N, C-alpha and C. Protein backbone atom coordinates (compact mmCIF):
# COMPACT_ATOMS: atom_id res chain seq x y z
N MET A 1 0.73 -1.10 0.08
CA MET A 1 -0.16 0.18 -0.26
C MET A 1 1.28 1.16 0.13
N LEU A 2 0.31 1.94 -0.89
CA LEU A 2 1.27 3.43 -1.07
C LEU A 2 1.01 4.35 0.28
N ASN A 3 2.28 5.34 0.43
CA ASN A 3 1.99 5.88 2.20
C ASN A 3 1.48 7.07 1.46
N ARG A 4 0.19 7.88 2.02
CA ARG A 4 -0.36 8.74 1.52
C ARG A 4 -0.74 9.77 2.80
N GLY A 5 0.07 9.56 3.99
CA GLY A 5 -0.13 10.40 5.27
C GLY A 5 0.51 11.78 4.57
N MET A 6 -0.26 12.79 5.65
CA MET A 6 0.20 14.05 5.33
C MET A 6 1.28 14.17 6.56
N TYR A 7 2.28 14.73 6.68
CA TYR A 7 3.36 15.13 7.92
C TYR A 7 2.98 16.25 8.29
N THR A 8 3.33 16.45 9.85
CA THR A 8 3.45 17.80 10.43
C THR A 8 4.77 18.22 10.07
N SER A 9 4.78 19.91 10.45
CA SER A 9 6.44 20.28 9.92
C SER A 9 7.38 19.94 11.35
N ASP A 10 6.91 19.72 12.60
CA ASP A 10 7.63 19.32 13.61
C ASP A 10 8.03 17.88 13.82
N SER A 11 7.84 16.99 13.41
CA SER A 11 7.99 15.28 13.36
C SER A 11 7.20 14.86 12.08
N ALA A 12 7.61 13.69 12.27
CA ALA A 12 7.29 12.52 11.04
C ALA A 12 5.78 12.28 11.37
N GLU A 13 5.17 12.60 12.32
CA GLU A 13 3.78 11.89 12.50
C GLU A 13 2.61 12.44 11.48
N ARG A 14 2.13 10.59 11.24
CA ARG A 14 1.21 11.32 10.22
C ARG A 14 -0.15 11.87 10.66
N SER A 15 -0.79 12.66 9.60
CA SER A 15 -1.72 13.49 10.33
C SER A 15 -2.70 13.31 9.34
N THR A 16 -3.83 13.34 9.48
CA THR A 16 -5.21 13.13 8.32
C THR A 16 -5.15 14.79 7.46
N PRO A 17 -5.94 14.36 6.34
CA PRO A 17 -6.57 15.65 5.79
C PRO A 17 -7.34 16.53 6.84
N GLN A 18 -8.25 16.12 7.84
CA GLN A 18 -8.77 17.15 8.29
C GLN A 18 -7.89 17.46 9.52
N ASP A 19 -6.72 17.10 9.54
CA ASP A 19 -5.87 17.54 11.18
C ASP A 19 -5.06 19.11 10.13
N PHE A 20 -5.32 19.08 8.76
CA PHE A 20 -4.64 19.84 8.03
C PHE A 20 -5.45 21.15 8.13
N PHE A 21 -6.78 21.09 7.71
CA PHE A 21 -7.71 22.54 7.80
C PHE A 21 -7.85 22.99 9.60
N ASP A 22 -7.82 21.73 10.47
CA ASP A 22 -8.08 22.19 11.83
C ASP A 22 -6.89 22.90 12.21
N ASN A 23 -5.39 22.53 12.03
CA ASN A 23 -4.41 23.49 12.32
C ASN A 23 -3.35 23.56 10.83
N PRO A 24 -3.78 24.54 10.09
CA PRO A 24 -2.90 24.91 9.05
C PRO A 24 -1.52 25.48 9.45
N ASP A 25 -1.40 26.08 10.62
CA ASP A 25 -0.17 26.53 10.77
C ASP A 25 0.96 25.61 11.53
N GLU A 26 0.53 24.35 11.62
CA GLU A 26 1.13 23.25 11.86
C GLU A 26 1.72 22.72 10.97
N GLN A 27 1.48 22.80 9.88
CA GLN A 27 1.97 21.80 8.32
C GLN A 27 3.09 22.49 7.63
N LYS A 28 3.36 21.95 7.19
CA LYS A 28 4.55 22.15 6.23
C LYS A 28 3.64 23.09 5.04
N PRO A 29 4.67 24.02 4.66
CA PRO A 29 3.85 24.76 3.64
C PRO A 29 3.89 24.08 1.79
N VAL A 30 3.09 24.35 1.32
CA VAL A 30 2.95 23.64 -0.27
C VAL A 30 4.18 24.50 -0.79
N LEU A 31 4.60 23.31 -1.67
CA LEU A 31 5.96 23.32 -2.15
C LEU A 31 5.47 23.45 -3.96
N GLY A 32 4.62 23.56 -3.84
CA GLY A 32 4.18 23.59 -5.50
C GLY A 32 3.42 22.60 -6.27
N VAL A 33 2.97 22.51 -7.25
CA VAL A 33 2.06 21.66 -8.05
C VAL A 33 3.10 20.09 -8.43
N LYS A 34 2.40 18.96 -8.41
CA LYS A 34 3.13 17.99 -7.98
C LYS A 34 3.85 17.74 -9.96
N PRO A 35 4.57 17.34 -9.76
CA PRO A 35 5.27 16.75 -11.34
C PRO A 35 4.04 16.08 -11.85
N TYR A 36 4.05 16.01 -13.18
CA TYR A 36 2.77 14.94 -13.94
C TYR A 36 3.11 13.67 -13.67
N TYR A 37 4.70 13.21 -13.52
CA TYR A 37 4.87 11.77 -13.53
C TYR A 37 4.22 11.39 -11.70
N VAL A 38 4.39 12.20 -10.93
CA VAL A 38 4.09 12.01 -9.28
C VAL A 38 2.37 11.69 -9.60
N ALA A 39 2.07 12.53 -10.08
CA ALA A 39 0.02 12.50 -9.85
C ALA A 39 -0.13 11.26 -10.68
N ALA A 40 0.71 10.99 -11.87
CA ALA A 40 0.18 10.04 -12.68
C ALA A 40 0.09 8.67 -12.18
N TRP A 41 1.47 8.55 -11.42
CA TRP A 41 1.81 7.35 -10.59
C TRP A 41 1.07 7.32 -9.60
N GLN A 42 0.74 8.40 -8.57
CA GLN A 42 -0.45 8.40 -7.86
C GLN A 42 -1.70 7.79 -8.02
N ARG A 43 -2.14 7.92 -8.97
CA ARG A 43 -3.32 7.52 -9.71
C ARG A 43 -3.34 6.09 -10.32
N ILE A 44 -2.09 5.88 -10.61
CA ILE A 44 -2.19 4.29 -10.99
C ILE A 44 -2.12 3.64 -10.08
N GLY A 45 -1.42 4.09 -8.95
CA GLY A 45 -1.51 3.40 -7.88
C GLY A 45 -2.81 3.30 -6.98
N ASP A 46 -3.54 4.47 -7.15
CA ASP A 46 -5.06 3.94 -6.72
C ASP A 46 -5.84 3.24 -7.05
N LEU A 47 -5.59 3.26 -8.60
CA LEU A 47 -6.62 2.34 -9.55
C LEU A 47 -6.18 0.81 -9.28
N ALA A 48 -4.61 0.46 -9.12
CA ALA A 48 -4.43 -0.73 -8.88
C ALA A 48 -4.91 -1.18 -7.56
N GLU A 49 -5.14 -0.50 -6.67
CA GLU A 49 -5.42 -0.77 -5.30
C GLU A 49 -7.00 -1.04 -5.29
N ALA A 50 -7.53 -0.18 -6.05
CA ALA A 50 -9.18 0.00 -6.14
C ALA A 50 -9.82 -1.56 -7.16
N ILE A 51 -8.48 -2.01 -7.96
CA ILE A 51 -8.64 -3.22 -8.72
C ILE A 51 -8.65 -4.29 -7.78
N GLU A 52 -7.39 -4.37 -7.07
CA GLU A 52 -7.26 -5.69 -6.10
C GLU A 52 -8.72 -5.40 -5.37
N ARG A 53 -9.08 -4.56 -4.80
CA ARG A 53 -10.33 -4.33 -3.77
C ARG A 53 -11.18 -5.35 -4.79
N GLN A 54 -11.71 -5.15 -5.78
CA GLN A 54 -12.48 -5.73 -6.42
C GLN A 54 -12.44 -7.40 -6.61
N PHE A 55 -11.47 -7.74 -7.08
CA PHE A 55 -11.01 -8.67 -7.06
C PHE A 55 -11.13 -9.81 -5.58
N GLU A 56 -10.76 -8.67 -4.30
CA GLU A 56 -11.07 -9.42 -3.05
C GLU A 56 -12.62 -9.76 -3.01
N SER A 57 -13.23 -8.90 -3.26
CA SER A 57 -14.59 -9.04 -3.00
C SER A 57 -15.43 -10.25 -3.81
N PRO A 58 -16.38 -10.55 -2.83
CA PRO A 58 -17.56 -11.62 -3.41
C PRO A 58 -18.33 -11.08 -4.54
N ASN A 59 -18.81 -9.80 -4.74
CA ASN A 59 -19.46 -8.91 -5.43
C ASN A 59 -18.54 -8.38 -6.50
N GLY A 60 -17.39 -8.42 -6.81
CA GLY A 60 -16.68 -7.25 -7.42
C GLY A 60 -16.79 -6.96 -9.02
N ASP A 61 -17.06 -6.16 -9.29
CA ASP A 61 -17.80 -5.41 -10.77
C ASP A 61 -16.42 -5.34 -11.56
N THR A 62 -16.48 -6.37 -12.78
CA THR A 62 -16.05 -6.66 -13.67
C THR A 62 -16.09 -5.50 -14.58
N GLU A 63 -16.70 -4.43 -14.89
CA GLU A 63 -16.93 -3.31 -15.99
C GLU A 63 -16.04 -2.71 -15.36
N LEU A 64 -16.22 -2.24 -14.08
CA LEU A 64 -15.50 -1.06 -13.47
C LEU A 64 -14.01 -1.63 -13.42
N VAL A 65 -13.21 -2.97 -13.16
CA VAL A 65 -11.97 -2.91 -13.46
C VAL A 65 -11.55 -2.96 -14.86
N GLN A 66 -12.66 -3.14 -15.53
CA GLN A 66 -12.04 -2.92 -17.10
C GLN A 66 -12.07 -1.30 -17.14
N LYS A 67 -12.72 -0.44 -17.13
CA LYS A 67 -13.16 0.55 -17.05
C LYS A 67 -11.39 1.26 -16.13
N TRP A 68 -11.00 0.89 -14.96
CA TRP A 68 -9.98 1.07 -14.36
C TRP A 68 -8.51 0.92 -14.98
N ALA A 69 -8.62 -0.54 -15.49
CA ALA A 69 -7.69 -1.05 -16.10
C ALA A 69 -6.92 -0.18 -17.51
N ALA A 70 -8.15 0.56 -18.14
CA ALA A 70 -8.01 1.16 -19.55
C ALA A 70 -7.39 2.43 -18.79
N GLU A 71 -7.81 3.16 -17.96
CA GLU A 71 -7.24 4.40 -17.36
C GLU A 71 -5.78 4.30 -16.77
N ILE A 72 -5.58 2.93 -16.55
CA ILE A 72 -4.18 2.87 -16.27
C ILE A 72 -3.19 2.72 -17.42
N GLY A 73 -3.81 2.24 -18.70
CA GLY A 73 -3.48 2.21 -19.63
C GLY A 73 -2.68 3.70 -20.29
N TRP A 74 -4.17 4.46 -20.02
CA TRP A 74 -3.94 5.73 -20.62
C TRP A 74 -3.22 6.88 -19.93
N GLN A 75 -3.09 6.58 -18.11
CA GLN A 75 -1.93 7.37 -17.64
C GLN A 75 -0.30 6.82 -18.23
N CYS A 76 -0.25 5.66 -18.44
CA CYS A 76 1.19 5.30 -18.84
C CYS A 76 1.36 5.79 -20.06
N SER A 77 0.49 6.22 -21.26
CA SER A 77 0.62 6.50 -22.30
C SER A 77 0.76 8.02 -22.20
N MET A 78 0.19 8.41 -21.26
CA MET A 78 0.75 9.76 -21.00
C MET A 78 1.63 10.25 -20.20
N ILE A 79 2.28 9.80 -19.73
CA ILE A 79 3.64 9.43 -19.11
C ILE A 79 4.46 9.34 -20.16
N GLU A 80 4.60 8.38 -21.03
CA GLU A 80 5.37 8.45 -21.97
C GLU A 80 5.28 9.53 -23.12
N SER A 81 4.30 9.80 -23.16
CA SER A 81 4.29 11.10 -24.45
C SER A 81 4.80 12.45 -23.75
N LEU A 82 4.34 12.77 -22.53
CA LEU A 82 4.98 14.01 -22.01
C LEU A 82 6.72 13.51 -21.79
N LYS A 83 7.11 12.42 -21.46
CA LYS A 83 8.46 12.42 -21.29
C LYS A 83 9.40 12.43 -22.98
N GLU A 84 8.30 12.27 -23.97
CA GLU A 84 8.89 12.37 -25.13
C GLU A 84 9.03 14.01 -25.38
N GLU A 85 7.78 14.74 -25.17
CA GLU A 85 8.11 16.16 -25.14
C GLU A 85 8.97 16.55 -24.82
N GLU A 86 9.21 16.36 -23.28
CA GLU A 86 10.31 16.98 -22.40
C GLU A 86 11.58 16.77 -23.03
N LYS A 87 11.89 15.48 -23.38
CA LYS A 87 13.09 15.67 -24.60
C LYS A 87 13.34 16.27 -25.49
N HIS A 88 12.27 16.48 -26.44
CA HIS A 88 12.52 17.41 -27.47
C HIS A 88 12.35 18.94 -26.91
N ALA A 89 11.72 19.05 -26.26
CA ALA A 89 11.96 20.41 -25.63
C ALA A 89 13.62 20.43 -25.14
N ASP A 90 13.71 19.85 -24.30
CA ASP A 90 15.25 19.68 -23.86
C ASP A 90 16.36 19.91 -25.10
N GLY A 91 16.20 19.15 -26.26
CA GLY A 91 16.65 19.06 -27.52
C GLY A 91 17.69 18.27 -27.64
N GLU A 92 17.46 17.00 -27.19
CA GLU A 92 17.90 15.71 -27.10
C GLU A 92 17.05 14.91 -28.38
């Protein structure tokens, strides 16, 4: 399972999203927008976990699994396309 916990500024203790809104001054500042590959890999991980849960469920929905698997493919294609664009932009 992926680690999606948020961290407080003075310790490495996990906090919840609600803690962030309740105590915004105690959180680390936002550093900026996530790079596309970080956001895409997180989404792929979320989808993979959802697919796994569907397979573990006795009433798993195979249509959902097919949609999520297709999205994983799209996310991977997007990552590859953007990597190629970066190479061209960098003159490689």
